[in-house]
Every structure is written in structure tokens, then in C-alpha cells.
């Protein structure tokens, strides 16, 4: 999370992390162990599968990674064109892609749904993009956990006493999203993607009410 980020930005970040966790849980279940937002895990799985000669898992991992990167590219280009409306524009794209997944899951091949989810998660990471770099990690938490540990270490050596809380809350947001996503999938399957699309759209509307420069 950005050091010095305002309360509003921090709240949006936690909600977006929860959205990523929710979607990733559903993608993980559908793909049988691959992710639609956590590309480090996919990279490891795909590489191990390639070494083991398991062509299909390696291809699945590589395809999802490629789609995720394409989503980042699309989000970056849209955000650049949208200027001060970057955040609502990118989130509208995320909502649209999640909506496509929700609409098509009952009749289209699984690949269409997975592609939409991976593109959406890639685009989501550009919501808080600054100077052509993502300033808040929303769909992966390794860096956040590193910062959490560093902040705890700083607190124990005389630094800010509660500086670690913002990182812990961001991580917990993702984990809570995963828990809810897995539970919803168990109950209603991929129809639960409508909730994800609705949340992304609601956040886009909320951000549109307070536009900021890119």
C-alpha cells in the first residue's frame, strides 16, 4: 500500500484486494490449481510442469500469464487515455470483463470465462498506477507481507508503532475475499461472479465521484 495514502484510497485498496481474492478463489477452483490473479504461483506451476513433461498444465499456466499481462496492458492504455478519470475508467473495464465471465459461464467454453477473469485481474492492477508503475499491489501479497514484516521490525526498534496495520489489513482483505469467493462458489458456482462485477461497478461509480489526476 502507498505510504501516506489517504483513508479513502486505503479503503478502496482493501476492497479491491478483497475483489481480487474473491475472483481468484473462483478461478482457482475452475482451473484446478491455477490462479487468475497470482502469476508467481502460475509461473512456478507452469515451469515445474514443463520440466516434468506435462504439456497441458504448462500451457494452461503460460496462457493465463499471457492473458493477465494483456489485461495490464489494456488497463494501462485505457488509464493513459482517460487521464484524471483513470480509476473509474479502468474499474469500468474490470466490471465489464467480470460481467462477460458471469454472462458466458453457463454456455461458453471454460476458456472464455478464464480469459475474462485473467484480463480483469491484470487490468485491476493498473487502477492505482503512477508513473507507469503499479503503486499498490492488489492481486498479489508477497510484497505486502514483506512490508508488513519490515514495519513490525521498525515498530519493535522505535519506529512507528502502528505502521504495520495498513499492510496487515490489505492482506486480510485479500484473504477474506478468498474465503467468501470459495464459499459462494460452493453454493451457486460461477453465478457468484455477478457479485464481483457488481462490486467493481460500484467502486467505479464511487471513484468517478472523486476523480484524480493520473
C-alpha atoms as a PDB file:
ATOM      1  CA  UNK A   1       0.000   0.000   0.000  1.00  0.00           C
ATOM      2  CA  UNK A   2       1.226   3.508  -0.685  1.00  0.00           C
ATOM      3  CA  UNK A   3       2.989   5.069   2.247  1.00  0.00           C
ATOM      4  CA  UNK A   4       0.987   8.148   3.143  1.00  0.00           C
ATOM      5  CA  UNK A   5      -2.109   7.057   1.207  1.00  0.00           C
ATOM      6  CA  UNK A   6      -5.301   8.719   2.383  1.00  0.00           C
ATOM      7  CA  UNK A   7      -8.021   6.833   4.196  1.00  0.00           C
ATOM      8  CA  UNK A   8     -10.246   6.830   1.109  1.00  0.00           C
ATOM      9  CA  UNK A   9      -7.530   5.357  -1.099  1.00  0.00           C
ATOM     10  CA  UNK A  10      -6.666   2.786   1.553  1.00  0.00           C
ATOM     11  CA  UNK A  11     -10.316   1.722   1.786  1.00  0.00           C
ATOM     12  CA  UNK A  12     -10.587   1.345  -1.970  1.00  0.00           C
ATOM     13  CA  UNK A  13      -7.371  -0.682  -1.989  1.00  0.00           C
ATOM     14  CA  UNK A  14      -8.669  -3.120   0.641  1.00  0.00           C
ATOM     15  CA  UNK A  15     -11.958  -3.547  -1.229  1.00  0.00           C
ATOM     16  CA  UNK A  16     -10.095  -4.173  -4.491  1.00  0.00           C
ATOM     17  CA  UNK A  17      -7.822  -6.691  -2.785  1.00  0.00           C
ATOM     18  CA  UNK A  18     -10.935  -8.457  -1.480  1.00  0.00           C
ATOM     19  CA  UNK A  19     -12.380  -8.420  -5.006  1.00  0.00           C
ATOM     20  CA  UNK A  20      -9.165  -9.976  -6.330  1.00  0.00           C
ATOM     21  CA  UNK A  21      -9.245 -12.671  -3.666  1.00  0.00           C
ATOM     22  CA  UNK A  22     -12.898 -13.423  -4.420  1.00  0.00           C
ATOM     23  CA  UNK A  23     -12.288 -13.782  -8.157  1.00  0.00           C
ATOM     24  CA  UNK A  24      -9.051 -15.706  -7.674  1.00  0.00           C
ATOM     25  CA  UNK A  25     -10.801 -18.264  -5.458  1.00  0.00           C
ATOM     26  CA  UNK A  26     -13.308 -18.974  -8.202  1.00  0.00           C
ATOM     27  CA  UNK A  27     -10.621 -19.099 -10.871  1.00  0.00           C
ATOM     28  CA  UNK A  28      -8.507 -21.437  -8.755  1.00  0.00           C
ATOM     29  CA  UNK A  29     -11.415 -23.846  -8.326  1.00  0.00           C
ATOM     30  CA  UNK A  30     -12.312 -23.806 -12.023  1.00  0.00           C
ATOM     31  CA  UNK A  31      -8.707 -24.247 -13.160  1.00  0.00           C
ATOM     32  CA  UNK A  32      -7.948 -26.954 -10.636  1.00  0.00           C
ATOM     33  CA  UNK A  33      -4.979 -25.258  -9.025  1.00  0.00           C
ATOM     34  CA  UNK A  34      -4.029 -22.386 -11.304  1.00  0.00           C
ATOM     35  CA  UNK A  35      -4.752 -18.744 -10.484  1.00  0.00           C
ATOM     36  CA  UNK A  36      -6.269 -15.850 -12.421  1.00  0.00           C
ATOM     37  CA  UNK A  37      -4.506 -13.153 -10.401  1.00  0.00           C
ATOM     38  CA  UNK A  38      -1.442 -14.702  -8.689  1.00  0.00           C
ATOM     39  CA  UNK A  39       1.073 -15.022 -11.512  1.00  0.00           C
ATOM     40  CA  UNK A  40       4.050 -16.023  -9.338  1.00  0.00           C
ATOM     41  CA  UNK A  41       2.202 -19.215  -8.429  1.00  0.00           C
ATOM     42  CA  UNK A  42       1.304 -19.840 -12.068  1.00  0.00           C
ATOM     43  CA  UNK A  43       4.897 -19.271 -13.156  1.00  0.00           C
ATOM     44  CA  UNK A  44       6.162 -21.862 -10.680  1.00  0.00           C
ATOM     45  CA  UNK A  45       3.482 -24.411 -11.590  1.00  0.00           C
ATOM     46  CA  UNK A  46       3.965 -23.943 -15.328  1.00  0.00           C
ATOM     47  CA  UNK A  47       7.754 -24.223 -15.084  1.00  0.00           C
ATOM     48  CA  UNK A  48       7.607 -27.372 -12.931  1.00  0.00           C
ATOM     49  CA  UNK A  49       5.050 -28.906 -15.301  1.00  0.00           C
ATOM     50  CA  UNK A  50       7.294 -28.145 -18.268  1.00  0.00           C
ATOM     51  CA  UNK A  51      10.255 -29.835 -16.602  1.00  0.00           C
ATOM     52  CA  UNK A  52       8.064 -32.851 -15.796  1.00  0.00           C
ATOM     53  CA  UNK A  53       6.923 -33.038 -19.392  1.00  0.00           C
ATOM     54  CA  UNK A  54       3.316 -32.202 -18.525  1.00  0.00           C
ATOM     55  CA  UNK A  55       2.468 -30.160 -21.583  1.00  0.00           C
ATOM     56  CA  UNK A  56      -1.138 -29.294 -20.795  1.00  0.00           C
ATOM     57  CA  UNK A  57      -0.590 -27.773 -17.308  1.00  0.00           C
ATOM     58  CA  UNK A  58       2.418 -25.860 -18.623  1.00  0.00           C
ATOM     59  CA  UNK A  59       0.343 -24.481 -21.494  1.00  0.00           C
ATOM     60  CA  UNK A  60      -2.512 -23.513 -19.163  1.00  0.00           C
ATOM     61  CA  UNK A  61      -0.157 -21.618 -16.878  1.00  0.00           C
ATOM     62  CA  UNK A  62       1.547 -19.856 -19.784  1.00  0.00           C
ATOM     63  CA  UNK A  63      -1.797 -18.891 -21.341  1.00  0.00           C
ATOM     64  CA  UNK A  64      -3.176 -17.417 -18.128  1.00  0.00           C
ATOM     65  CA  UNK A  65       0.037 -15.460 -17.559  1.00  0.00           C
ATOM     66  CA  UNK A  66      -0.152 -14.061 -21.076  1.00  0.00           C
ATOM     67  CA  UNK A  67      -3.781 -13.027 -20.626  1.00  0.00           C
ATOM     68  CA  UNK A  68      -3.007 -11.378 -17.286  1.00  0.00           C
ATOM     69  CA  UNK A  69      -0.204  -9.332 -18.855  1.00  0.00           C
ATOM     70  CA  UNK A  70      -2.509  -8.379 -21.729  1.00  0.00           C
ATOM     71  CA  UNK A  71      -5.020  -7.178 -19.146  1.00  0.00           C
ATOM     72  CA  UNK A  72      -2.344  -4.995 -17.568  1.00  0.00           C
ATOM     73  CA  UNK A  73      -1.507  -3.543 -20.984  1.00  0.00           C
ATOM     74  CA  UNK A  74      -5.176  -2.800 -21.713  1.00  0.00           C
ATOM     75  CA  UNK A  75      -5.672  -1.209 -18.303  1.00  0.00           C
ATOM     76  CA  UNK A  76      -2.556   0.934 -18.701  1.00  0.00           C
ATOM     77  CA  UNK A  77      -3.554   2.133 -22.169  1.00  0.00           C
ATOM     78  CA  UNK A  78      -7.103   2.908 -21.082  1.00  0.00           C
ATOM     79  CA  UNK A  79      -5.880   4.681 -17.960  1.00  0.00           C
ATOM     80  CA  UNK A  80      -3.465   6.769 -20.010  1.00  0.00           C
ATOM     81  CA  UNK A  81      -6.241   7.877 -22.350  1.00  0.00           C
ATOM     82  CA  UNK A  82      -8.681   8.501 -19.502  1.00  0.00           C
ATOM     83  CA  UNK A  83      -6.318  10.892 -17.715  1.00  0.00           C
ATOM     84  CA  UNK A  84      -7.818  12.181 -14.471  1.00  0.00           C
ATOM     85  CA  UNK A  85     -10.628   9.622 -14.865  1.00  0.00           C
ATOM     86  CA  UNK A  86      -8.151   6.728 -14.847  1.00  0.00           C
ATOM     87  CA  UNK A  87      -9.527   4.918 -11.820  1.00  0.00           C
ATOM     88  CA  UNK A  88     -13.228   4.819 -12.745  1.00  0.00           C
ATOM     89  CA  UNK A  89     -12.369   4.040 -16.382  1.00  0.00           C
ATOM     90  CA  UNK A  90     -10.131   1.098 -15.511  1.00  0.00           C
ATOM     91  CA  UNK A  91     -12.607  -0.218 -12.949  1.00  0.00           C
ATOM     92  CA  UNK A  92     -15.377   0.016 -15.536  1.00  0.00           C
ATOM     93  CA  UNK A  93     -13.249  -2.202 -17.766  1.00  0.00           C
ATOM     94  CA  UNK A  94     -12.762  -4.640 -14.888  1.00  0.00           C
ATOM     95  CA  UNK A  95     -16.524  -4.677 -14.239  1.00  0.00           C
ATOM     96  CA  UNK A  96     -17.234  -5.283 -17.924  1.00  0.00           C
ATOM     97  CA  UNK A  97     -14.805  -8.206 -18.112  1.00  0.00           C
ATOM     98  CA  UNK A  98     -16.220  -9.758 -14.951  1.00  0.00           C
ATOM     99  CA  UNK A  99     -19.675  -9.263 -16.404  1.00  0.00           C
ATOM    100  CA  UNK A 100     -18.633 -11.132 -19.549  1.00  0.00           C
ATOM    101  CA  UNK A 101     -17.437 -14.025 -17.395  1.00  0.00           C
ATOM    102  CA  UNK A 102     -20.696 -14.008 -15.415  1.00  0.00           C
ATOM    103  CA  UNK A 103     -22.831 -13.973 -18.579  1.00  0.00           C
ATOM    104  CA  UNK A 104     -20.912 -16.620 -20.517  1.00  0.00           C
ATOM    105  CA  UNK A 105     -20.123 -19.193 -17.831  1.00  0.00           C
ATOM    106  CA  UNK A 106     -23.329 -21.132 -18.429  1.00  0.00           C
ATOM    107  CA  UNK A 107     -22.932 -21.621 -22.187  1.00  0.00           C
ATOM    108  CA  UNK A 108     -19.429 -20.683 -23.347  1.00  0.00           C
ATOM    109  CA  UNK A 109     -16.277 -22.807 -23.050  1.00  0.00           C
ATOM    110  CA  UNK A 110     -14.430 -22.518 -19.754  1.00  0.00           C
ATOM    111  CA  UNK A 111     -11.554 -20.879 -21.611  1.00  0.00           C
ATOM    112  CA  UNK A 112     -13.727 -17.823 -22.314  1.00  0.00           C
ATOM    113  CA  UNK A 113     -14.563 -17.396 -18.642  1.00  0.00           C
ATOM    114  CA  UNK A 114     -10.963 -17.875 -17.525  1.00  0.00           C
ATOM    115  CA  UNK A 115      -9.698 -15.449 -20.163  1.00  0.00           C
ATOM    116  CA  UNK A 116     -12.151 -12.781 -18.996  1.00  0.00           C
ATOM    117  CA  UNK A 117     -11.145 -13.269 -15.358  1.00  0.00           C
ATOM    118  CA  UNK A 118      -7.399 -13.125 -16.064  1.00  0.00           C
ATOM    119  CA  UNK A 119      -7.809  -9.997 -18.208  1.00  0.00           C
ATOM    120  CA  UNK A 120      -9.891  -8.378 -15.456  1.00  0.00           C
ATOM    121  CA  UNK A 121      -7.325  -9.121 -12.766  1.00  0.00           C
ATOM    122  CA  UNK A 122      -4.499  -7.791 -14.902  1.00  0.00           C
ATOM    123  CA  UNK A 123      -6.420  -4.581 -15.571  1.00  0.00           C
ATOM    124  CA  UNK A 124      -7.278  -4.172 -11.878  1.00  0.00           C
ATOM    125  CA  UNK A 125      -3.602  -3.811 -11.053  1.00  0.00           C
ATOM    126  CA  UNK A 126      -3.449  -0.565 -13.044  1.00  0.00           C
ATOM    127  CA  UNK A 127      -6.156   1.240 -11.047  1.00  0.00           C
ATOM    128  CA  UNK A 128      -3.573   2.973  -8.836  1.00  0.00           C
ATOM    129  CA  UNK A 129      -0.853   3.154 -11.490  1.00  0.00           C
ATOM    130  CA  UNK A 130       1.563   6.052 -11.137  1.00  0.00           C
ATOM    131  CA  UNK A 131       4.433   6.922 -13.449  1.00  0.00           C
ATOM    132  CA  UNK A 132       3.746   3.756 -15.475  1.00  0.00           C
ATOM    133  CA  UNK A 133       4.187   1.523 -12.407  1.00  0.00           C
ATOM    134  CA  UNK A 134       1.599  -0.065 -10.122  1.00  0.00           C
ATOM    135  CA  UNK A 135       1.779   1.818  -6.821  1.00  0.00           C
ATOM    136  CA  UNK A 136      -0.403  -0.613  -4.835  1.00  0.00           C
ATOM    137  CA  UNK A 137      -0.250  -4.388  -5.185  1.00  0.00           C
ATOM    138  CA  UNK A 138      -3.841  -5.599  -5.315  1.00  0.00           C
ATOM    139  CA  UNK A 139      -3.777  -9.188  -6.555  1.00  0.00           C
ATOM    140  CA  UNK A 140      -0.532 -10.468  -5.034  1.00  0.00           C
ATOM    141  CA  UNK A 141       0.626 -10.099  -1.466  1.00  0.00           C
ATOM    142  CA  UNK A 142       4.275 -11.143  -1.298  1.00  0.00           C
ATOM    143  CA  UNK A 143       5.492  -7.560  -1.386  1.00  0.00           C
ATOM    144  CA  UNK A 144       2.817  -6.509   1.078  1.00  0.00           C
ATOM    145  CA  UNK A 145       3.863  -9.238   3.522  1.00  0.00           C
ATOM    146  CA  UNK A 146       7.496  -8.171   3.182  1.00  0.00           C
ATOM    147  CA  UNK A 147       6.484  -4.604   4.033  1.00  0.00           C
ATOM    148  CA  UNK A 148       4.389  -5.942   6.912  1.00  0.00           C
ATOM    149  CA  UNK A 149       7.408  -7.715   8.370  1.00  0.00           C
ATOM    150  CA  UNK A 150       9.600  -4.658   7.874  1.00  0.00           C
ATOM    151  CA  UNK A 151       7.031  -2.422   9.542  1.00  0.00           C
ATOM    152  CA  UNK A 152       6.756  -4.793  12.510  1.00  0.00           C
ATOM    153  CA  UNK A 153      10.539  -4.792  12.789  1.00  0.00           C
ATOM    154  CA  UNK A 154      10.539  -0.998  12.685  1.00  0.00           C
ATOM    155  CA  UNK A 155       7.868  -0.853  15.408  1.00  0.00           C
ATOM    156  CA  UNK A 156       9.991  -3.097  17.622  1.00  0.00           C
ATOM    157  CA  UNK A 157      13.020  -0.851  17.198  1.00  0.00           C
ATOM    158  CA  UNK A 158      11.457   2.506  17.938  1.00  0.00           C
ATOM    159  CA  UNK A 159       9.723   3.223  14.635  1.00  0.00           C
ATOM    160  CA  UNK A 160       6.032   3.973  14.059  1.00  0.00           C
ATOM    161  CA  UNK A 161       4.100   1.789  16.461  1.00  0.00           C
ATOM    162  CA  UNK A 162       1.160   1.032  14.195  1.00  0.00           C
ATOM    163  CA  UNK A 163       2.753   1.390  10.763  1.00  0.00           C
ATOM    164  CA  UNK A 164       2.267  -2.313  10.070  1.00  0.00           C
ATOM    165  CA  UNK A 165      -1.526  -2.196  10.367  1.00  0.00           C
ATOM    166  CA  UNK A 166      -2.207  -0.916   6.829  1.00  0.00           C
ATOM    167  CA  UNK A 167      -0.264  -3.812   5.323  1.00  0.00           C
ATOM    168  CA  UNK A 168      -1.973  -6.371   7.547  1.00  0.00           C
ATOM    169  CA  UNK A 169      -5.411  -5.014   6.636  1.00  0.00           C
ATOM    170  CA  UNK A 170      -4.641  -5.163   2.900  1.00  0.00           C
ATOM    171  CA  UNK A 171      -3.546  -8.801   3.220  1.00  0.00           C
ATOM    172  CA  UNK A 172      -6.580  -9.669   5.331  1.00  0.00           C
ATOM    173  CA  UNK A 173      -8.801  -8.062   2.692  1.00  0.00           C
ATOM    174  CA  UNK A 174      -7.476 -10.464   0.068  1.00  0.00           C
ATOM    175  CA  UNK A 175      -7.815 -13.475   2.381  1.00  0.00           C
ATOM    176  CA  UNK A 176     -11.385 -12.541   3.309  1.00  0.00           C
ATOM    177  CA  UNK A 177     -12.205 -12.220  -0.378  1.00  0.00           C
ATOM    178  CA  UNK A 178     -10.838 -15.726  -0.991  1.00  0.00           C
ATOM    179  CA  UNK A 179     -12.929 -17.164   1.852  1.00  0.00           C
ATOM    180  CA  UNK A 180     -16.117 -15.523   0.578  1.00  0.00           C
ATOM    181  CA  UNK A 181     -15.382 -16.451  -3.031  1.00  0.00           C
ATOM    182  CA  UNK A 182     -14.825 -20.113  -2.197  1.00  0.00           C
ATOM    183  CA  UNK A 183     -17.982 -20.233  -0.073  1.00  0.00           C
ATOM    184  CA  UNK A 184     -20.103 -18.550  -2.750  1.00  0.00           C
ATOM    185  CA  UNK A 185     -18.752 -20.883  -5.431  1.00  0.00           C
ATOM    186  CA  UNK A 186     -19.679 -23.856  -3.282  1.00  0.00           C
ATOM    187  CA  UNK A 187     -23.213 -22.502  -3.042  1.00  0.00           C
ATOM    188  CA  UNK A 188     -24.020 -21.121  -6.507  1.00  0.00           C
ATOM    189  CA  UNK A 189     -20.943 -21.772  -8.630  1.00  0.00           C
ATOM    190  CA  UNK A 190     -19.754 -19.189 -11.150  1.00  0.00           C
ATOM    191  CA  UNK A 191     -23.058 -17.330 -10.934  1.00  0.00           C
ATOM    192  CA  UNK A 192     -21.313 -15.689  -7.976  1.00  0.00           C
ATOM    193  CA  UNK A 193     -19.259 -13.697 -10.474  1.00  0.00           C
ATOM    194  CA  UNK A 194     -22.213 -11.328 -10.729  1.00  0.00           C
ATOM    195  CA  UNK A 195     -21.377 -10.138  -7.218  1.00  0.00           C
ATOM    196  CA  UNK A 196     -17.795  -9.424  -8.304  1.00  0.00           C
ATOM    197  CA  UNK A 197     -18.956  -7.494 -11.365  1.00  0.00           C
ATOM    198  CA  UNK A 198     -21.405  -5.505  -9.238  1.00  0.00           C
ATOM    199  CA  UNK A 199     -18.714  -4.600  -6.696  1.00  0.00           C
ATOM    200  CA  UNK A 200     -16.305  -3.481  -9.428  1.00  0.00           C
ATOM    201  CA  UNK A 201     -19.021  -1.327 -10.980  1.00  0.00           C
ATOM    202  CA  UNK A 202     -19.972   0.170  -7.615  1.00  0.00           C
ATOM    203  CA  UNK A 203     -16.330   1.063  -6.959  1.00  0.00           C
ATOM    204  CA  UNK A 204     -16.059   2.611 -10.428  1.00  0.00           C
ATOM    205  CA  UNK A 205     -19.055   4.831  -9.678  1.00  0.00           C
ATOM    206  CA  UNK A 206     -17.648   5.778  -6.276  1.00  0.00           C
ATOM    207  CA  UNK A 207     -14.288   6.686  -7.793  1.00  0.00           C
ATOM    208  CA  UNK A 208     -15.960   8.691 -10.555  1.00  0.00           C
ATOM    209  CA  UNK A 209     -17.361  10.966  -7.896  1.00  0.00           C
ATOM    210  CA  UNK A 210     -13.863  11.909  -6.796  1.00  0.00           C
ATOM    211  CA  UNK A 211     -11.698  11.961  -9.947  1.00  0.00           C
ATOM    212  CA  UNK A 212      -7.978  12.409  -9.533  1.00  0.00           C
ATOM    213  CA  UNK A 213      -5.158  13.108 -11.886  1.00  0.00           C
ATOM    214  CA  UNK A 214      -3.474  10.078 -13.487  1.00  0.00           C
END
